[in-house]
Amino acid sequence: MAISIPFFGKIGSDIQSLAPNTRVNRASALGEPERIDGIVLYQVGKRAKVCWGPGKSRMEPVDKLVMIVE
């Protein structure tokens, strides 16, 4: 069973960094469905390139991602 841990940072804190190959979920947002079990490919600033399955990768805001801890 996997446990999701949200990233809670201080207001005005530095950019959170995600290591490559980190497993993440994305909470649903207005007009966007929840996504589960993604793999971080790389991060540029406040956005990370996440692979959501074969051929389905996209840039996601880091603050909307939740790391999966097993």
PDB file of N, CA and C in Angstrom:
ATOM      1  N   MET A   1       0.851  -1.174   0.000  1.00  0.00           N
ATOM      2  CA  MET A   1       0.000   0.000   0.000  1.00  0.00           C
ATOM      3  C   MET A   1       0.890   1.229   0.000  1.00  0.00           C
ATOM      4  N   ALA A   2       0.586   2.171  -0.842  1.00  0.00           N
ATOM      5  CA  ALA A   2       1.359   3.404  -0.954  1.00  0.00           C
ATOM      6  C   ALA A   2       0.688   4.505  -0.136  1.00  0.00           C
ATOM      7  N   ILE A   3       1.493   5.377   0.432  1.00  0.00           N
ATOM      8  CA  ILE A   3       0.995   6.515   1.197  1.00  0.00           C
ATOM      9  C   ILE A   3       1.385   7.777   0.455  1.00  0.00           C
ATOM     10  N   SER A   4       0.443   8.699   0.275  1.00  0.00           N
ATOM     11  CA  SER A   4       0.727   9.972  -0.387  1.00  0.00           C
ATOM     12  C   SER A   4       1.039  11.023   0.662  1.00  0.00           C
ATOM     13  N   ILE A   5       2.126  11.766   0.460  1.00  0.00           N
ATOM     14  CA  ILE A   5       2.523  12.826   1.372  1.00  0.00           C
ATOM     15  C   ILE A   5       2.571  14.133   0.595  1.00  0.00           C
ATOM     16  N   PRO A   6       1.685  15.096   0.930  1.00  0.00           N
ATOM     17  CA  PRO A   6       1.718  16.376   0.208  1.00  0.00           C
ATOM     18  C   PRO A   6       2.928  17.201   0.611  1.00  0.00           C
ATOM     19  N   PHE A   7       3.360  18.084  -0.302  1.00  0.00           N
ATOM     20  CA  PHE A   7       4.463  18.985  -0.015  1.00  0.00           C
ATOM     21  C   PHE A   7       3.908  20.241   0.622  1.00  0.00           C
ATOM     22  N   PHE A   8       4.138  20.448   1.925  1.00  0.00           N
ATOM     23  CA  PHE A   8       3.727  21.674   2.586  1.00  0.00           C
ATOM     24  C   PHE A   8       4.977  22.472   2.869  1.00  0.00           C
ATOM     25  N   GLY A   9       5.100  23.636   2.271  1.00  0.00           N
ATOM     26  CA  GLY A   9       6.279  24.468   2.456  1.00  0.00           C
ATOM     27  C   GLY A   9       5.921  25.763   3.149  1.00  0.00           C
ATOM     28  N   LYS A  10       6.919  26.490   3.560  1.00  0.00           N
ATOM     29  CA  LYS A  10       6.695  27.803   4.147  1.00  0.00           C
ATOM     30  C   LYS A  10       6.275  28.768   3.048  1.00  0.00           C
ATOM     31  N   ILE A  11       5.532  29.792   3.436  1.00  0.00           N
ATOM     32  CA  ILE A  11       5.165  30.822   2.467  1.00  0.00           C
ATOM     33  C   ILE A  11       6.442  31.548   2.055  1.00  0.00           C
ATOM     34  N   GLY A  12       6.673  31.650   0.769  1.00  0.00           N
ATOM     35  CA  GLY A  12       7.866  32.313   0.270  1.00  0.00           C
ATOM     36  C   GLY A  12       9.110  31.439   0.343  1.00  0.00           C
ATOM     37  N   SER A  13       8.909  30.140   0.526  1.00  0.00           N
ATOM     38  CA  SER A  13      10.060  29.251   0.629  1.00  0.00           C
ATOM     39  C   SER A  13      10.691  29.030  -0.750  1.00  0.00           C
ATOM     40  N   ASP A  14      11.828  28.388  -0.751  1.00  0.00           N
ATOM     41  CA  ASP A  14      12.517  28.076  -2.004  1.00  0.00           C
ATOM     42  C   ASP A  14      11.702  27.074  -2.813  1.00  0.00           C
ATOM     43  N   ILE A  15      12.090  26.908  -4.057  1.00  0.00           N
ATOM     44  CA  ILE A  15      11.420  25.961  -4.936  1.00  0.00           C
ATOM     45  C   ILE A  15      11.672  24.539  -4.425  1.00  0.00           C
ATOM     46  N   GLN A  16      10.617  23.737  -4.369  1.00  0.00           N
ATOM     47  CA  GLN A  16      10.756  22.349  -3.944  1.00  0.00           C
ATOM     48  C   GLN A  16      11.360  21.556  -5.083  1.00  0.00           C
ATOM     49  N   SER A  17      12.218  20.620  -4.746  1.00  0.00           N
ATOM     50  CA  SER A  17      12.843  19.845  -5.812  1.00  0.00           C
ATOM     51  C   SER A  17      12.415  18.385  -5.714  1.00  0.00           C
ATOM     52  N   LEU A  18      12.191  17.800  -6.866  1.00  0.00           N
ATOM     53  CA  LEU A  18      11.840  16.394  -6.978  1.00  0.00           C
ATOM     54  C   LEU A  18      12.956  15.689  -7.736  1.00  0.00           C
ATOM     55  N   ALA A  19      13.408  14.584  -7.193  1.00  0.00           N
ATOM     56  CA  ALA A  19      14.461  13.811  -7.855  1.00  0.00           C
ATOM     57  C   ALA A  19      13.864  13.066  -9.057  1.00  0.00           C
ATOM     58  N   PRO A  20      14.654  12.854 -10.098  1.00  0.00           N
ATOM     59  CA  PRO A  20      14.180  12.042 -11.217  1.00  0.00           C
ATOM     60  C   PRO A  20      13.762  10.657 -10.726  1.00  0.00           C
ATOM     61  N   ASN A  21      12.769  10.077 -11.370  1.00  0.00           N
ATOM     62  CA  ASN A  21      12.208   8.759 -11.057  1.00  0.00           C
ATOM     63  C   ASN A  21      11.391   8.725  -9.771  1.00  0.00           C
ATOM     64  N   THR A  22      11.038   9.898  -9.206  1.00  0.00           N
ATOM     65  CA  THR A  22      10.157   9.946  -8.047  1.00  0.00           C
ATOM     66  C   THR A  22       8.729   9.668  -8.512  1.00  0.00           C
ATOM     67  N   ARG A  23       8.007   8.824  -7.781  1.00  0.00           N
ATOM     68  CA  ARG A  23       6.612   8.530  -8.113  1.00  0.00           C
ATOM     69  C   ARG A  23       5.720   9.597  -7.499  1.00  0.00           C
ATOM     70  N   VAL A  24       4.767  10.106  -8.281  1.00  0.00           N
ATOM     71  CA  VAL A  24       3.890  11.181  -7.822  1.00  0.00           C
ATOM     72  C   VAL A  24       2.446  10.963  -8.281  1.00  0.00           C
ATOM     73  N   ASN A  25       1.525  11.630  -7.577  1.00  0.00           N
ATOM     74  CA  ASN A  25       0.125  11.760  -7.979  1.00  0.00           C
ATOM     75  C   ASN A  25      -0.140  13.245  -8.148  1.00  0.00           C
ATOM     76  N   ARG A  26      -1.211  13.591  -8.879  1.00  0.00           N
ATOM     77  CA  ARG A  26      -1.633  14.982  -8.994  1.00  0.00           C
ATOM     78  C   ARG A  26      -3.095  15.069  -8.590  1.00  0.00           C
ATOM     79  N   ALA A  27      -3.388  15.964  -7.647  1.00  0.00           N
ATOM     80  CA  ALA A  27      -4.765  16.172  -7.226  1.00  0.00           C
ATOM     81  C   ALA A  27      -5.550  16.811  -8.361  1.00  0.00           C
ATOM     82  N   SER A  28      -6.845  16.576  -8.377  1.00  0.00           N
ATOM     83  CA  SER A  28      -7.673  17.166  -9.426  1.00  0.00           C
ATOM     84  C   SER A  28      -7.758  18.672  -9.251  1.00  0.00           C
ATOM     85  N   ALA A  29      -7.893  19.370 -10.354  1.00  0.00           N
ATOM     86  CA  ALA A  29      -8.019  20.826 -10.358  1.00  0.00           C
ATOM     87  C   ALA A  29      -9.202  21.184 -11.249  1.00  0.00           C
ATOM     88  N   LEU A  30      -9.530  22.456 -11.311  1.00  0.00           N
ATOM     89  CA  LEU A  30     -10.631  22.883 -12.162  1.00  0.00           C
ATOM     90  C   LEU A  30     -10.378  22.467 -13.606  1.00  0.00           C
ATOM     91  N   GLY A  31     -11.251  21.665 -14.132  1.00  0.00           N
ATOM     92  CA  GLY A  31     -11.145  21.253 -15.521  1.00  0.00           C
ATOM     93  C   GLY A  31     -10.107  20.180 -15.805  1.00  0.00           C
ATOM     94  N   GLU A  32      -9.417  19.702 -14.780  1.00  0.00           N
ATOM     95  CA  GLU A  32      -8.400  18.663 -14.983  1.00  0.00           C
ATOM     96  C   GLU A  32      -8.663  17.504 -14.035  1.00  0.00           C
ATOM     97  N   PRO A  33      -8.656  16.276 -14.542  1.00  0.00           N
ATOM     98  CA  PRO A  33      -8.899  15.121 -13.676  1.00  0.00           C
ATOM     99  C   PRO A  33      -7.688  14.794 -12.805  1.00  0.00           C
ATOM    100  N   GLU A  34      -7.929  14.014 -11.768  1.00  0.00           N
ATOM    101  CA  GLU A  34      -6.835  13.532 -10.925  1.00  0.00           C
ATOM    102  C   GLU A  34      -5.994  12.562 -11.741  1.00  0.00           C
ATOM    103  N   ARG A  35      -4.689  12.615 -11.546  1.00  0.00           N
ATOM    104  CA  ARG A  35      -3.792  11.670 -12.215  1.00  0.00           C
ATOM    105  C   ARG A  35      -3.036  10.910 -11.139  1.00  0.00           C
ATOM    106  N   ILE A  36      -2.811   9.615 -11.394  1.00  0.00           N
ATOM    107  CA  ILE A  36      -2.152   8.785 -10.391  1.00  0.00           C
ATOM    108  C   ILE A  36      -0.954   8.058 -10.990  1.00  0.00           C
ATOM    109  N   ASP A  37       0.010   7.766 -10.128  1.00  0.00           N
ATOM    110  CA  ASP A  37       1.181   6.947 -10.450  1.00  0.00           C
ATOM    111  C   ASP A  37       2.008   7.471 -11.623  1.00  0.00           C
ATOM    112  N   GLY A  38       2.458   8.714 -11.496  1.00  0.00           N
ATOM    113  CA  GLY A  38       3.345   9.297 -12.498  1.00  0.00           C
ATOM    114  C   GLY A  38       4.800   9.190 -12.070  1.00  0.00           C
ATOM    115  N   ILE A  39       5.705   9.325 -13.011  1.00  0.00           N
ATOM    116  CA  ILE A  39       7.143   9.283 -12.756  1.00  0.00           C
ATOM    117  C   ILE A  39       7.739  10.620 -13.192  1.00  0.00           C
ATOM    118  N   VAL A  40       8.482  11.274 -12.296  1.00  0.00           N
ATOM    119  CA  VAL A  40       9.137  12.543 -12.616  1.00  0.00           C
ATOM    120  C   VAL A  40      10.335  12.263 -13.515  1.00  0.00           C
ATOM    121  N   LEU A  41      10.373  12.919 -14.672  1.00  0.00           N
ATOM    122  CA  LEU A  41      11.501  12.774 -15.587  1.00  0.00           C
ATOM    123  C   LEU A  41      12.580  13.808 -15.270  1.00  0.00           C
ATOM    124  N   TYR A  42      12.168  15.078 -15.121  1.00  0.00           N
ATOM    125  CA  TYR A  42      13.089  16.149 -14.730  1.00  0.00           C
ATOM    126  C   TYR A  42      12.277  17.332 -14.227  1.00  0.00           C
ATOM    127  N   GLN A  43      12.958  18.281 -13.603  1.00  0.00           N
ATOM    128  CA  GLN A  43      12.293  19.476 -13.085  1.00  0.00           C
ATOM    129  C   GLN A  43      13.020  20.713 -13.577  1.00  0.00           C
ATOM    130  N   VAL A  44      12.240  21.727 -13.981  1.00  0.00           N
ATOM    131  CA  VAL A  44      12.776  23.018 -14.393  1.00  0.00           C
ATOM    132  C   VAL A  44      12.022  24.080 -13.603  1.00  0.00           C
ATOM    133  N   GLY A  45      12.679  24.680 -12.627  1.00  0.00           N
ATOM    134  CA  GLY A  45      12.030  25.699 -11.805  1.00  0.00           C
ATOM    135  C   GLY A  45      10.871  25.125 -11.018  1.00  0.00           C
ATOM    136  N   LYS A  46       9.692  25.739 -11.191  1.00  0.00           N
ATOM    137  CA  LYS A  46       8.498  25.318 -10.461  1.00  0.00           C
ATOM    138  C   LYS A  46       7.663  24.304 -11.224  1.00  0.00           C
ATOM    139  N   ARG A  47       8.191  23.771 -12.314  1.00  0.00           N
ATOM    140  CA  ARG A  47       7.456  22.797 -13.130  1.00  0.00           C
ATOM    141  C   ARG A  47       8.299  21.543 -13.306  1.00  0.00           C
ATOM    142  N   ALA A  48       7.619  20.403 -13.370  1.00  0.00           N
ATOM    143  CA  ALA A  48       8.298  19.123 -13.553  1.00  0.00           C
ATOM    144  C   ALA A  48       7.677  18.381 -14.726  1.00  0.00           C
ATOM    145  N   LYS A  49       8.500  17.719 -15.514  1.00  0.00           N
ATOM    146  CA  LYS A  49       8.019  16.873 -16.609  1.00  0.00           C
ATOM    147  C   LYS A  49       7.694  15.513 -15.996  1.00  0.00           C
ATOM    148  N   VAL A  50       6.412  15.109 -16.093  1.00  0.00           N
ATOM    149  CA  VAL A  50       5.950  13.871 -15.472  1.00  0.00           C
ATOM    150  C   VAL A  50       5.388  12.955 -16.547  1.00  0.00           C
ATOM    151  N   CYS A  51       5.780  11.694 -16.500  1.00  0.00           N
ATOM    152  CA  CYS A  51       5.268  10.679 -17.413  1.00  0.00           C
ATOM    153  C   CYS A  51       4.109   9.970 -16.710  1.00  0.00           C
ATOM    154  N   TRP A  52       2.910  10.012 -17.321  1.00  0.00           N
ATOM    155  CA  TRP A  52       1.716   9.403 -16.735  1.00  0.00           C
ATOM    156  C   TRP A  52       1.384   8.061 -17.377  1.00  0.00           C
ATOM    157  N   GLY A  53       2.227   7.554 -18.194  1.00  0.00           N
ATOM    158  CA  GLY A  53       2.001   6.282 -18.881  1.00  0.00           C
ATOM    159  C   GLY A  53       2.712   6.335 -20.221  1.00  0.00           C
ATOM    160  N   PRO A  54       2.678   5.261 -20.976  1.00  0.00           N
ATOM    161  CA  PRO A  54       3.368   5.239 -22.265  1.00  0.00           C
ATOM    162  C   PRO A  54       2.880   6.363 -23.188  1.00  0.00           C
ATOM    163  N   GLY A  55       3.782   7.245 -23.552  1.00  0.00           N
ATOM    164  CA  GLY A  55       3.469   8.320 -24.481  1.00  0.00           C
ATOM    165  C   GLY A  55       2.656   9.462 -23.901  1.00  0.00           C
ATOM    166  N   LYS A  56       2.456   9.490 -22.587  1.00  0.00           N
ATOM    167  CA  LYS A  56       1.643  10.538 -21.960  1.00  0.00           C
ATOM    168  C   LYS A  56       2.461  11.295 -20.927  1.00  0.00           C
ATOM    169  N   SER A  57       3.300  12.200 -21.380  1.00  0.00           N
ATOM    170  CA  SER A  57       4.077  13.015 -20.458  1.00  0.00           C
ATOM    171  C   SER A  57       3.713  14.480 -20.661  1.00  0.00           C
ATOM    172  N   ARG A  58       3.762  15.241 -19.557  1.00  0.00           N
ATOM    173  CA  ARG A  58       3.452  16.661 -19.644  1.00  0.00           C
ATOM    174  C   ARG A  58       4.090  17.406 -18.488  1.00  0.00           C
ATOM    175  N   MET A  59       4.206  18.717 -18.661  1.00  0.00           N
ATOM    176  CA  MET A  59       4.761  19.572 -17.611  1.00  0.00           C
ATOM    177  C   MET A  59       3.669  19.832 -16.580  1.00  0.00           C
ATOM    178  N   GLU A  60       4.001  19.655 -15.308  1.00  0.00           N
ATOM    179  CA  GLU A  60       3.051  19.848 -14.211  1.00  0.00           C
ATOM    180  C   GLU A  60       3.651  20.817 -13.194  1.00  0.00           C
ATOM    181  N   PRO A  61       2.828  21.659 -12.554  1.00  0.00           N
ATOM    182  CA  PRO A  61       3.330  22.516 -11.477  1.00  0.00           C
ATOM    183  C   PRO A  61       3.729  21.650 -10.278  1.00  0.00           C
ATOM    184  N   VAL A  62       4.898  21.892  -9.733  1.00  0.00           N
ATOM    185  CA  VAL A  62       5.413  21.081  -8.623  1.00  0.00           C
ATOM    186  C   VAL A  62       4.504  21.179  -7.403  1.00  0.00           C
ATOM    187  N   ASP A  63       3.909  22.343  -7.165  1.00  0.00           N
ATOM    188  CA  ASP A  63       3.079  22.499  -5.972  1.00  0.00           C
ATOM    189  C   ASP A  63       1.772  21.711  -6.051  1.00  0.00           C
ATOM    190  N   LYS A  64       1.410  21.182  -7.203  1.00  0.00           N
ATOM    191  CA  LYS A  64       0.196  20.366  -7.357  1.00  0.00           C
ATOM    192  C   LYS A  64       0.496  18.872  -7.274  1.00  0.00           C
ATOM    193  N   LEU A  65       1.770  18.498  -7.186  1.00  0.00           N
ATOM    194  CA  LEU A  65       2.154  17.088  -7.155  1.00  0.00           C
ATOM    195  C   LEU A  65       2.282  16.591  -5.720  1.00  0.00           C
ATOM    196  N   VAL A  66       1.930  15.319  -5.525  1.00  0.00           N
ATOM    197  CA  VAL A  66       2.025  14.670  -4.222  1.00  0.00           C
ATOM    198  C   VAL A  66       2.925  13.454  -4.382  1.00  0.00           C
ATOM    199  N   MET A  67       4.009  13.397  -3.597  1.00  0.00           N
ATOM    200  CA  MET A  67       4.952  12.296  -3.688  1.00  0.00           C
ATOM    201  C   MET A  67       4.343  11.030  -3.093  1.00  0.00           C
ATOM    202  N   ILE A  68       4.575   9.888  -3.733  1.00  0.00           N
ATOM    203  CA  ILE A  68       4.101   8.592  -3.249  1.00  0.00           C
ATOM    204  C   ILE A  68       5.241   7.956  -2.461  1.00  0.00           C
ATOM    205  N   VAL A  69       4.959   7.614  -1.204  1.00  0.00           N
ATOM    206  CA  VAL A  69       5.956   6.970  -0.338  1.00  0.00           C
ATOM    207  C   VAL A  69       5.455   5.576  -0.008  1.00  0.00           C
ATOM    208  N   GLU A  70       6.283   4.567  -0.254  1.00  0.00           N
ATOM    209  CA  GLU A  70       5.878   3.184   0.034  1.00  0.00           C
ATOM    210  C   GLU A  70       6.546   2.693   1.285  1.00  0.00           C
TER     211      GLU A  70
END
